[in-house]
Amino acid sequence: MIELQQCTQSYFGMNHEDMDKVVVLFQGQGLLKGEYFVKVGQFCKKLSFVQSGLTRAFAQTEVREVTQ
């Protein structure tokens, strides 16, 4: 979670007390290649921080997938 703290600190300038409150709200979770964070029709109840790797957001049309 050090990366989360560093990133949040650099973007928002949070003090250590506020940072400690935010960090406890996150839990580590891995996704394998091809797995979905959320699928069409699902309601996302999570906020995520990508520690390493890449993610892709896309929309499905009748003709093709459109990367957003």
C-alpha atoms as a PDB file:
ATOM      1  CA  MET A   1       0.000   0.000   0.000  1.00  0.00           C
ATOM      2  CA  ILE A   2       3.017   2.272  -0.046  1.00  0.00           C
ATOM      3  CA  GLU A   3       2.318   3.088  -3.713  1.00  0.00           C
ATOM      4  CA  LEU A   4      -1.242   4.131  -2.814  1.00  0.00           C
ATOM      5  CA  GLN A   5       0.054   6.425  -0.089  1.00  0.00           C
ATOM      6  CA  GLN A   6       2.680   7.985  -2.346  1.00  0.00           C
ATOM      7  CA  CYS A   7       0.266   8.530  -5.218  1.00  0.00           C
ATOM      8  CA  THR A   8      -2.462   9.993  -3.017  1.00  0.00           C
ATOM      9  CA  GLN A   9       0.038  12.224  -1.244  1.00  0.00           C
ATOM     10  CA  SER A  10       1.450  13.567  -4.517  1.00  0.00           C
ATOM     11  CA  TYR A  11      -1.989  14.319  -6.027  1.00  0.00           C
ATOM     12  CA  PHE A  12      -3.924  15.517  -2.998  1.00  0.00           C
ATOM     13  CA  GLY A  13      -1.296  16.572  -0.455  1.00  0.00           C
ATOM     14  CA  MET A  14      -2.991  14.710   2.403  1.00  0.00           C
ATOM     15  CA  ASN A  15      -1.524  14.814   5.870  1.00  0.00           C
ATOM     16  CA  HIS A  16      -0.518  11.551   7.557  1.00  0.00           C
ATOM     17  CA  GLU A  17      -3.595  11.400   9.780  1.00  0.00           C
ATOM     18  CA  ASP A  18      -5.996  11.633   6.823  1.00  0.00           C
ATOM     19  CA  MET A  19      -3.840   9.251   4.806  1.00  0.00           C
ATOM     20  CA  ASP A  20      -4.103   6.601   7.524  1.00  0.00           C
ATOM     21  CA  LYS A  21      -7.909   6.882   7.380  1.00  0.00           C
ATOM     22  CA  VAL A  22      -7.930   6.347   3.608  1.00  0.00           C
ATOM     23  CA  VAL A  23      -5.450   3.467   3.436  1.00  0.00           C
ATOM     24  CA  VAL A  24      -7.454   1.239   5.798  1.00  0.00           C
ATOM     25  CA  LEU A  25     -10.382   1.383   3.348  1.00  0.00           C
ATOM     26  CA  PHE A  26      -8.387  -0.458   0.659  1.00  0.00           C
ATOM     27  CA  GLN A  27      -7.763  -4.198   0.447  1.00  0.00           C
ATOM     28  CA  GLY A  28      -5.386  -5.956  -1.892  1.00  0.00           C
ATOM     29  CA  GLN A  29      -7.015  -7.835  -4.757  1.00  0.00           C
ATOM     30  CA  GLY A  30      -5.514  -9.347  -7.860  1.00  0.00           C
ATOM     31  CA  LEU A  31      -6.970  -9.792 -11.309  1.00  0.00           C
ATOM     32  CA  LEU A  32      -5.641 -12.305 -13.792  1.00  0.00           C
ATOM     33  CA  LYS A  33      -5.360 -11.526 -17.478  1.00  0.00           C
ATOM     34  CA  GLY A  34      -8.830 -11.713 -18.993  1.00  0.00           C
ATOM     35  CA  GLU A  35     -10.682 -11.203 -15.700  1.00  0.00           C
ATOM     36  CA  TYR A  36     -13.118  -8.313 -15.328  1.00  0.00           C
ATOM     37  CA  PHE A  37     -13.222  -5.781 -12.521  1.00  0.00           C
ATOM     38  CA  VAL A  38     -16.891  -5.129 -13.298  1.00  0.00           C
ATOM     39  CA  LYS A  39     -19.093  -6.471 -16.093  1.00  0.00           C
ATOM     40  CA  VAL A  40     -21.876  -4.924 -18.139  1.00  0.00           C
ATOM     41  CA  GLY A  41     -25.040  -4.515 -16.087  1.00  0.00           C
ATOM     42  CA  GLN A  42     -23.235  -4.741 -12.757  1.00  0.00           C
ATOM     43  CA  PHE A  43     -23.079  -1.834 -10.339  1.00  0.00           C
ATOM     44  CA  CYS A  44     -19.513  -1.130  -9.208  1.00  0.00           C
ATOM     45  CA  LYS A  45     -19.262  -0.681  -5.450  1.00  0.00           C
ATOM     46  CA  LYS A  46     -15.470  -0.419  -5.329  1.00  0.00           C
ATOM     47  CA  LEU A  47     -12.820   2.199  -5.847  1.00  0.00           C
ATOM     48  CA  SER A  48      -9.590   0.757  -7.150  1.00  0.00           C
ATOM     49  CA  PHE A  49      -5.927   1.631  -7.290  1.00  0.00           C
ATOM     50  CA  VAL A  50      -3.830  -0.199  -9.866  1.00  0.00           C
ATOM     51  CA  GLN A  51      -0.529  -1.029  -8.214  1.00  0.00           C
ATOM     52  CA  SER A  52       1.012  -2.690 -11.260  1.00  0.00           C
ATOM     53  CA  GLY A  53      -0.110  -3.715 -14.704  1.00  0.00           C
ATOM     54  CA  LEU A  54      -2.660  -2.232 -17.063  1.00  0.00           C
ATOM     55  CA  THR A  55      -6.424  -2.048 -17.200  1.00  0.00           C
ATOM     56  CA  ARG A  56      -8.738  -1.301 -20.067  1.00  0.00           C
ATOM     57  CA  ALA A  57     -12.155   0.352 -20.017  1.00  0.00           C
ATOM     58  CA  PHE A  58     -14.316  -0.401 -23.013  1.00  0.00           C
ATOM     59  CA  ALA A  59     -17.886  -0.330 -24.265  1.00  0.00           C
ATOM     60  CA  GLN A  60     -19.509  -3.017 -26.366  1.00  0.00           C
ATOM     61  CA  THR A  61     -21.534  -1.875 -29.380  1.00  0.00           C
ATOM     62  CA  GLU A  62     -23.445  -4.052 -31.819  1.00  0.00           C
ATOM     63  CA  VAL A  63     -20.481  -3.883 -34.187  1.00  0.00           C
ATOM     64  CA  ARG A  64     -17.353  -3.785 -32.019  1.00  0.00           C
ATOM     65  CA  GLU A  65     -15.649  -3.024 -28.711  1.00  0.00           C
ATOM     66  CA  VAL A  66     -14.719   0.620 -28.220  1.00  0.00           C
ATOM     67  CA  THR A  67     -11.834   1.370 -25.858  1.00  0.00           C
ATOM     68  CA  GLN A  68     -12.611   4.418 -23.761  1.00  0.00           C
END
